[in-house]
Amino acid sequence: MGYQGEEVILGRNCSAEEWQAAFETAFEDGEWLVQEFLTALSFLGMGPDGEIAPHLLIWGFFSFGEKFSGGFIRAQKQASGSGVVNSASGAIESIMLFV
């Protein structure tokens, strides 16, 4: 039920013990979501400071019921840290327009 990445745990960035503890907590709470992490090619993008740098992109698609309803993209400089991409740590957000 967290937001802005505060409860995001990247399995590839933690020890087996940390991952097991996170799994047990989530399972006990009953409020969790698992997403597959796919490594993508970096994207050269411009940050708010005007600097061109490699960015990580998060592509988020959503639906209501069985109907596709849209998507968003978050982009954050690769060198920014944990691998969690969110607005609280400086990601730029944009919606996607579909025709």
PDB file of N, CA and C in Angstrom:
ATOM      1  N   MET A   1       0.824  -1.190   0.000  1.00  0.00           N
ATOM      2  CA  MET A   1       0.000   0.000   0.000  1.00  0.00           C
ATOM      3  C   MET A   1       0.870   1.255   0.000  1.00  0.00           C
ATOM      4  N   GLY A   2       2.152   1.063  -0.197  1.00  0.00           N
ATOM      5  CA  GLY A   2       3.071   2.196  -0.213  1.00  0.00           C
ATOM      6  C   GLY A   2       2.954   2.998  -1.495  1.00  0.00           C
ATOM      7  N   TYR A   3       3.677   4.068  -1.546  1.00  0.00           N
ATOM      8  CA  TYR A   3       3.692   4.916  -2.724  1.00  0.00           C
ATOM      9  C   TYR A   3       5.072   5.534  -2.854  1.00  0.00           C
ATOM     10  N   GLN A   4       5.350   6.061  -4.022  1.00  0.00           N
ATOM     11  CA  GLN A   4       6.618   6.714  -4.339  1.00  0.00           C
ATOM     12  C   GLN A   4       7.817   5.813  -4.045  1.00  0.00           C
ATOM     13  N   GLY A   5       7.639   4.521  -4.234  1.00  0.00           N
ATOM     14  CA  GLY A   5       8.738   3.590  -4.093  1.00  0.00           C
ATOM     15  C   GLY A   5       9.108   3.216  -2.682  1.00  0.00           C
ATOM     16  N   GLU A   6       8.371   3.723  -1.682  1.00  0.00           N
ATOM     17  CA  GLU A   6       8.790   3.497  -0.298  1.00  0.00           C
ATOM     18  C   GLU A   6       8.746   2.031   0.117  1.00  0.00           C
ATOM     19  N   GLU A   7       7.909   1.229  -0.513  1.00  0.00           N
ATOM     20  CA  GLU A   7       7.833  -0.189  -0.153  1.00  0.00           C
ATOM     21  C   GLU A   7       8.243  -1.089  -1.307  1.00  0.00           C
ATOM     22  N   VAL A   8       8.958  -0.551  -2.268  1.00  0.00           N
ATOM     23  CA  VAL A   8       9.423  -1.342  -3.398  1.00  0.00           C
ATOM     24  C   VAL A   8      10.711  -2.044  -3.012  1.00  0.00           C
ATOM     25  N   ILE A   9      10.748  -3.327  -3.279  1.00  0.00           N
ATOM     26  CA  ILE A   9      11.940  -4.115  -2.995  1.00  0.00           C
ATOM     27  C   ILE A   9      12.334  -4.817  -4.285  1.00  0.00           C
ATOM     28  N   LEU A  10      13.554  -4.541  -4.733  1.00  0.00           N
ATOM     29  CA  LEU A  10      14.071  -5.205  -5.917  1.00  0.00           C
ATOM     30  C   LEU A  10      14.858  -6.426  -5.468  1.00  0.00           C
ATOM     31  N   GLY A  11      14.352  -7.585  -5.821  1.00  0.00           N
ATOM     32  CA  GLY A  11      15.002  -8.816  -5.407  1.00  0.00           C
ATOM     33  C   GLY A  11      16.455  -8.904  -5.825  1.00  0.00           C
ATOM     34  N   ARG A  12      16.761  -8.369  -6.982  1.00  0.00           N
ATOM     35  CA  ARG A  12      18.139  -8.443  -7.472  1.00  0.00           C
ATOM     36  C   ARG A  12      19.088  -7.547  -6.676  1.00  0.00           C
ATOM     37  N   ASN A  13      18.541  -6.626  -5.869  1.00  0.00           N
ATOM     38  CA  ASN A  13      19.376  -5.689  -5.104  1.00  0.00           C
ATOM     39  C   ASN A  13      19.457  -6.024  -3.620  1.00  0.00           C
ATOM     40  N   CYS A  14      18.939  -7.183  -3.212  1.00  0.00           N
ATOM     41  CA  CYS A  14      18.999  -7.511  -1.791  1.00  0.00           C
ATOM     42  C   CYS A  14      19.473  -8.954  -1.610  1.00  0.00           C
ATOM     43  N   SER A  15      19.831  -9.264  -0.384  1.00  0.00           N
ATOM     44  CA  SER A  15      20.299 -10.612  -0.073  1.00  0.00           C
ATOM     45  C   SER A  15      19.116 -11.578  -0.039  1.00  0.00           C
ATOM     46  N   ALA A  16      19.427 -12.855  -0.055  1.00  0.00           N
ATOM     47  CA  ALA A  16      18.374 -13.885   0.029  1.00  0.00           C
ATOM     48  C   ALA A  16      17.595 -13.744   1.333  1.00  0.00           C
ATOM     49  N   GLU A  17      18.284 -13.385   2.412  1.00  0.00           N
ATOM     50  CA  GLU A  17      17.625 -13.227   3.717  1.00  0.00           C
ATOM     51  C   GLU A  17      16.663 -12.030   3.704  1.00  0.00           C
ATOM     52  N   GLU A  18      17.109 -10.900   3.119  1.00  0.00           N
ATOM     53  CA  GLU A  18      16.239  -9.717   3.027  1.00  0.00           C
ATOM     54  C   GLU A  18      15.009 -10.024   2.176  1.00  0.00           C
ATOM     55  N   TRP A  19      15.216 -10.746   1.078  1.00  0.00           N
ATOM     56  CA  TRP A  19      14.099 -11.095   0.187  1.00  0.00           C
ATOM     57  C   TRP A  19      13.114 -12.008   0.908  1.00  0.00           C
ATOM     58  N   GLN A  20      13.614 -12.984   1.646  1.00  0.00           N
ATOM     59  CA  GLN A  20      12.747 -13.911   2.386  1.00  0.00           C
ATOM     60  C   GLN A  20      11.943 -13.158   3.446  1.00  0.00           C
ATOM     61  N   ALA A  21      12.583 -12.231   4.162  1.00  0.00           N
ATOM     62  CA  ALA A  21      11.878 -11.446   5.186  1.00  0.00           C
ATOM     63  C   ALA A  21      10.789 -10.585   4.547  1.00  0.00           C
ATOM     64  N   ALA A  22      11.089  -9.973   3.415  1.00  0.00           N
ATOM     65  CA  ALA A  22      10.093  -9.145   2.712  1.00  0.00           C
ATOM     66  C   ALA A  22       8.931 -10.007   2.244  1.00  0.00           C
ATOM     67  N   PHE A  23       9.233 -11.182   1.725  1.00  0.00           N
ATOM     68  CA  PHE A  23       8.187 -12.097   1.268  1.00  0.00           C
ATOM     69  C   PHE A  23       7.280 -12.497   2.423  1.00  0.00           C
ATOM     70  N   GLU A  24       7.874 -12.864   3.554  1.00  0.00           N
ATOM     71  CA  GLU A  24       7.076 -13.285   4.706  1.00  0.00           C
ATOM     72  C   GLU A  24       6.185 -12.153   5.217  1.00  0.00           C
ATOM     73  N   THR A  25       6.718 -10.936   5.277  1.00  0.00           N
ATOM     74  CA  THR A  25       5.919  -9.781   5.720  1.00  0.00           C
ATOM     75  C   THR A  25       4.756  -9.542   4.765  1.00  0.00           C
ATOM     76  N   ALA A  26       5.030  -9.550   3.477  1.00  0.00           N
ATOM     77  CA  ALA A  26       3.984  -9.316   2.478  1.00  0.00           C
ATOM     78  C   ALA A  26       2.919 -10.403   2.545  1.00  0.00           C
ATOM     79  N   PHE A  27       3.341 -11.646   2.685  1.00  0.00           N
ATOM     80  CA  PHE A  27       2.393 -12.754   2.729  1.00  0.00           C
ATOM     81  C   PHE A  27       1.492 -12.657   3.954  1.00  0.00           C
ATOM     82  N   GLU A  28       2.057 -12.261   5.089  1.00  0.00           N
ATOM     83  CA  GLU A  28       1.276 -12.099   6.313  1.00  0.00           C
ATOM     84  C   GLU A  28       0.286 -10.952   6.197  1.00  0.00           C
ATOM     85  N   ASP A  29       0.720  -9.827   5.597  1.00  0.00           N
ATOM     86  CA  ASP A  29      -0.151  -8.662   5.436  1.00  0.00           C
ATOM     87  C   ASP A  29      -1.283  -8.922   4.444  1.00  0.00           C
ATOM     88  N   GLY A  30      -0.999  -9.712   3.425  1.00  0.00           N
ATOM     89  CA  GLY A  30      -2.002  -9.986   2.398  1.00  0.00           C
ATOM     90  C   GLY A  30      -2.170  -8.857   1.392  1.00  0.00           C
ATOM     91  N   GLU A  31      -1.360  -7.812   1.506  1.00  0.00           N
ATOM     92  CA  GLU A  31      -1.454  -6.671   0.588  1.00  0.00           C
ATOM     93  C   GLU A  31      -0.118  -6.513  -0.121  1.00  0.00           C
ATOM     94  N   TRP A  32       0.013  -7.130  -1.294  1.00  0.00           N
ATOM     95  CA  TRP A  32       1.270  -7.081  -2.015  1.00  0.00           C
ATOM     96  C   TRP A  32       1.031  -7.275  -3.494  1.00  0.00           C
ATOM     97  N   LEU A  33       2.012  -6.913  -4.242  1.00  0.00           N
ATOM     98  CA  LEU A  33       1.977  -7.026  -5.695  1.00  0.00           C
ATOM     99  C   LEU A  33       3.367  -7.438  -6.146  1.00  0.00           C
ATOM    100  N   VAL A  34       3.421  -8.404  -7.029  1.00  0.00           N
ATOM    101  CA  VAL A  34       4.700  -8.844  -7.565  1.00  0.00           C
ATOM    102  C   VAL A  34       4.740  -8.484  -9.037  1.00  0.00           C
ATOM    103  N   GLN A  35       5.836  -7.884  -9.456  1.00  0.00           N
ATOM    104  CA  GLN A  35       6.031  -7.553 -10.859  1.00  0.00           C
ATOM    105  C   GLN A  35       7.360  -8.133 -11.312  1.00  0.00           C
ATOM    106  N   GLU A  36       7.379  -8.586 -12.552  1.00  0.00           N
ATOM    107  CA  GLU A  36       8.621  -9.105 -13.105  1.00  0.00           C
ATOM    108  C   GLU A  36       9.514  -7.949 -13.511  1.00  0.00           C
ATOM    109  N   PHE A  37      10.776  -8.035 -13.150  1.00  0.00           N
ATOM    110  CA  PHE A  37      11.739  -7.008 -13.521  1.00  0.00           C
ATOM    111  C   PHE A  37      12.401  -7.426 -14.820  1.00  0.00           C
ATOM    112  N   LEU A  38      12.283  -6.599 -15.823  1.00  0.00           N
ATOM    113  CA  LEU A  38      12.921  -6.859 -17.105  1.00  0.00           C
ATOM    114  C   LEU A  38      13.976  -5.789 -17.342  1.00  0.00           C
ATOM    115  N   THR A  39      15.176  -6.218 -17.626  1.00  0.00           N
ATOM    116  CA  THR A  39      16.235  -5.268 -17.908  1.00  0.00           C
ATOM    117  C   THR A  39      16.073  -4.775 -19.340  1.00  0.00           C
ATOM    118  N   ALA A  40      16.033  -3.478 -19.504  1.00  0.00           N
ATOM    119  CA  ALA A  40      15.858  -2.884 -20.827  1.00  0.00           C
ATOM    120  C   ALA A  40      17.094  -2.073 -21.191  1.00  0.00           C
ATOM    121  N   LEU A  41      17.216  -1.781 -22.452  1.00  0.00           N
ATOM    122  CA  LEU A  41      18.283  -0.900 -22.888  1.00  0.00           C
ATOM    123  C   LEU A  41      18.055   0.485 -22.297  1.00  0.00           C
ATOM    124  N   SER A  42      19.121   1.176 -21.974  1.00  0.00           N
ATOM    125  CA  SER A  42      18.956   2.525 -21.447  1.00  0.00           C
ATOM    126  C   SER A  42      18.537   3.460 -22.580  1.00  0.00           C
ATOM    127  N   PHE A  43      17.948   4.549 -22.207  1.00  0.00           N
ATOM    128  CA  PHE A  43      17.424   5.540 -23.129  1.00  0.00           C
ATOM    129  C   PHE A  43      18.136   6.852 -22.847  1.00  0.00           C
ATOM    130  N   LEU A  44      18.687   7.467 -23.884  1.00  0.00           N
ATOM    131  CA  LEU A  44      19.295   8.778 -23.681  1.00  0.00           C
ATOM    132  C   LEU A  44      18.194   9.821 -23.619  1.00  0.00           C
ATOM    133  N   GLY A  45      18.121  10.511 -22.522  1.00  0.00           N
ATOM    134  CA  GLY A  45      17.084  11.507 -22.352  1.00  0.00           C
ATOM    135  C   GLY A  45      17.623  12.746 -21.664  1.00  0.00           C
ATOM    136  N   MET A  46      16.843  13.796 -21.724  1.00  0.00           N
ATOM    137  CA  MET A  46      17.242  15.053 -21.107  1.00  0.00           C
ATOM    138  C   MET A  46      16.546  15.190 -19.759  1.00  0.00           C
ATOM    139  N   GLY A  47      17.324  15.488 -18.747  1.00  0.00           N
ATOM    140  CA  GLY A  47      16.772  15.716 -17.423  1.00  0.00           C
ATOM    141  C   GLY A  47      16.333  17.149 -17.255  1.00  0.00           C
ATOM    142  N   PRO A  48      15.710  17.470 -16.111  1.00  0.00           N
ATOM    143  CA  PRO A  48      15.246  18.826 -15.847  1.00  0.00           C
ATOM    144  C   PRO A  48      16.370  19.859 -15.878  1.00  0.00           C
ATOM    145  N   ASP A  49      17.604  19.403 -15.630  1.00  0.00           N
ATOM    146  CA  ASP A  49      18.749  20.305 -15.638  1.00  0.00           C
ATOM    147  C   ASP A  49      19.299  20.542 -17.046  1.00  0.00           C
ATOM    148  N   GLY A  50      18.701  19.897 -18.057  1.00  0.00           N
ATOM    149  CA  GLY A  50      19.140  20.061 -19.435  1.00  0.00           C
ATOM    150  C   GLY A  50      20.263  19.128 -19.849  1.00  0.00           C
ATOM    151  N   GLU A  51      20.725  18.299 -18.929  1.00  0.00           N
ATOM    152  CA  GLU A  51      21.803  17.365 -19.227  1.00  0.00           C
ATOM    153  C   GLU A  51      21.267  16.113 -19.925  1.00  0.00           C
ATOM    154  N   ILE A  52      21.973  15.675 -20.977  1.00  0.00           N
ATOM    155  CA  ILE A  52      21.630  14.431 -21.661  1.00  0.00           C
ATOM    156  C   ILE A  52      22.364  13.305 -20.945  1.00  0.00           C
ATOM    157  N   ALA A  53      21.636  12.268 -20.540  1.00  0.00           N
ATOM    158  CA  ALA A  53      22.231  11.166 -19.795  1.00  0.00           C
ATOM    159  C   ALA A  53      21.409   9.896 -20.016  1.00  0.00           C
ATOM    160  N   PRO A  54      22.009   8.719 -19.791  1.00  0.00           N
ATOM    161  CA  PRO A  54      21.238   7.470 -19.861  1.00  0.00           C
ATOM    162  C   PRO A  54      20.170   7.452 -18.766  1.00  0.00           C
ATOM    163  N   HIS A  55      18.979   7.044 -19.138  1.00  0.00           N
ATOM    164  CA  HIS A  55      17.850   6.964 -18.211  1.00  0.00           C
ATOM    165  C   HIS A  55      17.289   5.541 -18.183  1.00  0.00           C
ATOM    166  N   LEU A  56      16.719   5.182 -17.043  1.00  0.00           N
ATOM    167  CA  LEU A  56      15.914   3.972 -16.929  1.00  0.00           C
ATOM    168  C   LEU A  56      14.478   4.370 -17.206  1.00  0.00           C
ATOM    169  N   LEU A  57      13.760   3.557 -17.970  1.00  0.00           N
ATOM    170  CA  LEU A  57      12.352   3.832 -18.252  1.00  0.00           C
ATOM    171  C   LEU A  57      11.484   2.762 -17.619  1.00  0.00           C
ATOM    172  N   ILE A  58      10.401   3.177 -17.040  1.00  0.00           N
ATOM    173  CA  ILE A  58       9.384   2.264 -16.533  1.00  0.00           C
ATOM    174  C   ILE A  58       8.135   2.500 -17.377  1.00  0.00           C
ATOM    175  N   TRP A  59       7.692   1.460 -18.038  1.00  0.00           N
ATOM    176  CA  TRP A  59       6.493   1.528 -18.878  1.00  0.00           C
ATOM    177  C   TRP A  59       5.366   0.894 -18.077  1.00  0.00           C
ATOM    178  N   GLY A  60       4.347   1.658 -17.757  1.00  0.00           N
ATOM    179  CA  GLY A  60       3.222   1.138 -16.984  1.00  0.00           C
ATOM    180  C   GLY A  60       1.951   1.156 -17.814  1.00  0.00           C
ATOM    181  N   PHE A  61       1.353   0.004 -17.965  1.00  0.00           N
ATOM    182  CA  PHE A  61       0.090  -0.107 -18.709  1.00  0.00           C
ATOM    183  C   PHE A  61      -0.994  -0.545 -17.738  1.00  0.00           C
ATOM    184  N   PHE A  62      -2.209  -0.093 -17.963  1.00  0.00           N
ATOM    185  CA  PHE A  62      -3.282  -0.490 -17.065  1.00  0.00           C
ATOM    186  C   PHE A  62      -4.569  -0.709 -17.838  1.00  0.00           C
ATOM    187  N   SER A  63      -5.460  -1.415 -17.171  1.00  0.00           N
ATOM    188  CA  SER A  63      -6.760  -1.714 -17.781  1.00  0.00           C
ATOM    189  C   SER A  63      -7.831  -1.591 -16.715  1.00  0.00           C
ATOM    190  N   PHE A  64      -9.057  -1.444 -17.164  1.00  0.00           N
ATOM    191  CA  PHE A  64     -10.215  -1.498 -16.292  1.00  0.00           C
ATOM    192  C   PHE A  64     -11.025  -2.688 -16.766  1.00  0.00           C
ATOM    193  N   GLY A  65     -11.135  -3.683 -15.913  1.00  0.00           N
ATOM    194  CA  GLY A  65     -11.755  -4.928 -16.340  1.00  0.00           C
ATOM    195  C   GLY A  65     -10.890  -5.557 -17.420  1.00  0.00           C
ATOM    196  N   GLU A  66     -11.482  -5.863 -18.542  1.00  0.00           N
ATOM    197  CA  GLU A  66     -10.732  -6.467 -19.637  1.00  0.00           C
ATOM    198  C   GLU A  66     -10.431  -5.463 -20.747  1.00  0.00           C
ATOM    199  N   LYS A  67     -10.637  -4.173 -20.472  1.00  0.00           N
ATOM    200  CA  LYS A  67     -10.421  -3.153 -21.495  1.00  0.00           C
ATOM    201  C   LYS A  67      -9.133  -2.374 -21.235  1.00  0.00           C
ATOM    202  N   PHE A  68      -8.255  -2.337 -22.241  1.00  0.00           N
ATOM    203  CA  PHE A  68      -7.034  -1.546 -22.141  1.00  0.00           C
ATOM    204  C   PHE A  68      -7.415  -0.086 -21.946  1.00  0.00           C
ATOM    205  N   SER A  69      -6.746   0.582 -20.999  1.00  0.00           N
ATOM    206  CA  SER A  69      -7.168   1.934 -20.658  1.00  0.00           C
ATOM    207  C   SER A  69      -6.078   2.989 -20.733  1.00  0.00           C
ATOM    208  N   GLY A  70      -4.835   2.613 -20.974  1.00  0.00           N
ATOM    209  CA  GLY A  70      -3.804   3.631 -21.117  1.00  0.00           C
ATOM    210  C   GLY A  70      -2.482   3.220 -20.520  1.00  0.00           C
ATOM    211  N   GLY A  71      -1.618   4.207 -20.411  1.00  0.00           N
ATOM    212  CA  GLY A  71      -0.301   3.912 -19.867  1.00  0.00           C
ATOM    213  C   GLY A  71       0.449   5.174 -19.492  1.00  0.00           C
ATOM    214  N   PHE A  72       1.594   4.975 -18.872  1.00  0.00           N
ATOM    215  CA  PHE A  72       2.450   6.080 -18.467  1.00  0.00           C
ATOM    216  C   PHE A  72       3.897   5.626 -18.595  1.00  0.00           C
ATOM    217  N   ILE A  73       4.777   6.573 -18.595  1.00  0.00           N
ATOM    218  CA  ILE A  73       6.210   6.289 -18.599  1.00  0.00           C
ATOM    219  C   ILE A  73       6.845   7.111 -17.486  1.00  0.00           C
ATOM    220  N   ARG A  74       7.750   6.490 -16.765  1.00  0.00           N
ATOM    221  CA  ARG A  74       8.590   7.211 -15.817  1.00  0.00           C
ATOM    222  C   ARG A  74      10.025   7.060 -16.284  1.00  0.00           C
ATOM    223  N   ALA A  75      10.782   8.144 -16.260  1.00  0.00           N
ATOM    224  CA  ALA A  75      12.183   8.125 -16.679  1.00  0.00           C
ATOM    225  C   ALA A  75      13.035   8.741 -15.579  1.00  0.00           C
ATOM    226  N   GLN A  76      14.157   8.079 -15.286  1.00  0.00           N
ATOM    227  CA  GLN A  76      15.053   8.568 -14.242  1.00  0.00           C
ATOM    228  C   GLN A  76      16.490   8.262 -14.651  1.00  0.00           C
ATOM    229  N   LYS A  77      17.387   9.191 -14.368  1.00  0.00           N
ATOM    230  CA  LYS A  77      18.796   8.975 -14.681  1.00  0.00           C
ATOM    231  C   LYS A  77      19.280   7.675 -14.049  1.00  0.00           C
ATOM    232  N   GLN A  78      20.020   6.890 -14.823  1.00  0.00           N
ATOM    233  CA  GLN A  78      20.514   5.610 -14.322  1.00  0.00           C
ATOM    234  C   GLN A  78      21.395   5.752 -13.100  1.00  0.00           C
ATOM    235  N   ALA A  79      22.160   6.791 -13.024  1.00  0.00           N
ATOM    236  CA  ALA A  79      23.118   6.957 -11.935  1.00  0.00           C
ATOM    237  C   ALA A  79      22.467   7.399 -10.632  1.00  0.00           C
ATOM    238  N   SER A  80      21.140   7.403 -10.566  1.00  0.00           N
ATOM    239  CA  SER A  80      20.467   7.968  -9.397  1.00  0.00           C
ATOM    240  C   SER A  80      20.329   7.010  -8.221  1.00  0.00           C
ATOM    241  N   GLY A  81      20.762   5.769  -8.348  1.00  0.00           N
ATOM    242  CA  GLY A  81      20.784   4.957  -7.137  1.00  0.00           C
ATOM    243  C   GLY A  81      20.209   3.572  -7.180  1.00  0.00           C
ATOM    244  N   SER A  82      19.121   3.363  -6.457  1.00  0.00           N
ATOM    245  CA  SER A  82      18.637   2.033  -6.091  1.00  0.00           C
ATOM    246  C   SER A  82      18.047   1.201  -7.216  1.00  0.00           C
ATOM    247  N   GLY A  83      17.700   1.812  -8.319  1.00  0.00           N
ATOM    248  CA  GLY A  83      17.007   1.091  -9.382  1.00  0.00           C
ATOM    249  C   GLY A  83      15.500   1.258  -9.308  1.00  0.00           C
ATOM    250  N   VAL A  84      14.996   1.802  -8.199  1.00  0.00           N
ATOM    251  CA  VAL A  84      13.574   2.099  -8.067  1.00  0.00           C
ATOM    252  C   VAL A  84      13.340   3.435  -8.755  1.00  0.00           C
ATOM    253  N   VAL A  85      12.437   3.451  -9.715  1.00  0.00           N
ATOM    254  CA  VAL A  85      12.191   4.653 -10.524  1.00  0.00           C
ATOM    255  C   VAL A  85      10.855   5.249 -10.094  1.00  0.00           C
ATOM    256  N   ASN A  86      10.897   6.422  -9.451  1.00  0.00           N
ATOM    257  CA  ASN A  86       9.662   7.068  -9.018  1.00  0.00           C
ATOM    258  C   ASN A  86       9.871   8.563  -8.857  1.00  0.00           C
ATOM    259  N   SER A  87       8.781   9.294  -8.798  1.00  0.00           N
ATOM    260  CA  SER A  87       8.855  10.757  -8.743  1.00  0.00           C
ATOM    261  C   SER A  87       9.528  11.267  -7.478  1.00  0.00           C
ATOM    262  N   ALA A  88       9.423  10.527  -6.375  1.00  0.00           N
ATOM    263  CA  ALA A  88      10.036  10.975  -5.123  1.00  0.00           C
ATOM    264  C   ALA A  88      11.556  11.008  -5.223  1.00  0.00           C
ATOM    265  N   SER A  89      12.116  10.196  -6.105  1.00  0.00           N
ATOM    266  CA  SER A  89      13.572  10.199  -6.241  1.00  0.00           C
ATOM    267  C   SER A  89      14.021  10.855  -7.542  1.00  0.00           C
ATOM    268  N   GLY A  90      13.136  11.659  -8.139  1.00  0.00           N
ATOM    269  CA  GLY A  90      13.539  12.476  -9.274  1.00  0.00           C
ATOM    270  C   GLY A  90      13.082  12.029 -10.645  1.00  0.00           C
ATOM    271  N   ALA A  91      12.261  11.000 -10.732  1.00  0.00           N
ATOM    272  CA  ALA A  91      11.800  10.548 -12.045  1.00  0.00           C
ATOM    273  C   ALA A  91      10.860  11.576 -12.680  1.00  0.00           C
ATOM    274  N   ILE A  92      10.937  11.656 -13.979  1.00  0.00           N
ATOM    275  CA  ILE A  92      10.018  12.492 -14.760  1.00  0.00           C
ATOM    276  C   ILE A  92       8.897  11.584 -15.231  1.00  0.00           C
ATOM    277  N   GLU A  93       7.658  12.034 -15.100  1.00  0.00           N
ATOM    278  CA  GLU A  93       6.513  11.209 -15.471  1.00  0.00           C
ATOM    279  C   GLU A  93       5.801  11.791 -16.676  1.00  0.00           C
ATOM    280  N   SER A  94       5.276  10.896 -17.496  1.00  0.00           N
ATOM    281  CA  SER A  94       4.540  11.317 -18.684  1.00  0.00           C
ATOM    282  C   SER A  94       3.460  10.285 -18.995  1.00  0.00           C
ATOM    283  N   ILE A  95       2.351  10.738 -19.493  1.00  0.00           N
ATOM    284  CA  ILE A  95       1.327   9.813 -19.954  1.00  0.00           C
ATOM    285  C   ILE A  95       1.635   9.399 -21.389  1.00  0.00           C
ATOM    286  N   MET A  96       1.025   8.338 -21.839  1.00  0.00           N
ATOM    287  CA  MET A  96       1.125   7.913 -23.240  1.00  0.00           C
ATOM    288  C   MET A  96      -0.204   8.209 -23.908  1.00  0.00           C
ATOM    289  N   LEU A  97      -0.142   8.682 -25.121  1.00  0.00           N
ATOM    290  CA  LEU A  97      -1.357   8.920 -25.878  1.00  0.00           C
ATOM    291  C   LEU A  97      -1.496   7.828 -26.929  1.00  0.00           C
ATOM    292  N   PHE A  98      -2.664   7.240 -27.033  1.00  0.00           N
ATOM    293  CA  PHE A  98      -2.933   6.182 -27.985  1.00  0.00           C
ATOM    294  C   PHE A  98      -4.011   6.639 -28.949  1.00  0.00           C
ATOM    295  N   VAL A  99      -3.825   6.314 -30.214  1.00  0.00           N
ATOM    296  CA  VAL A  99      -4.809   6.697 -31.231  1.00  0.00           C
ATOM    297  C   VAL A  99      -5.519   5.451 -31.698  1.00  0.00           C
TER     298      VAL A  99
END
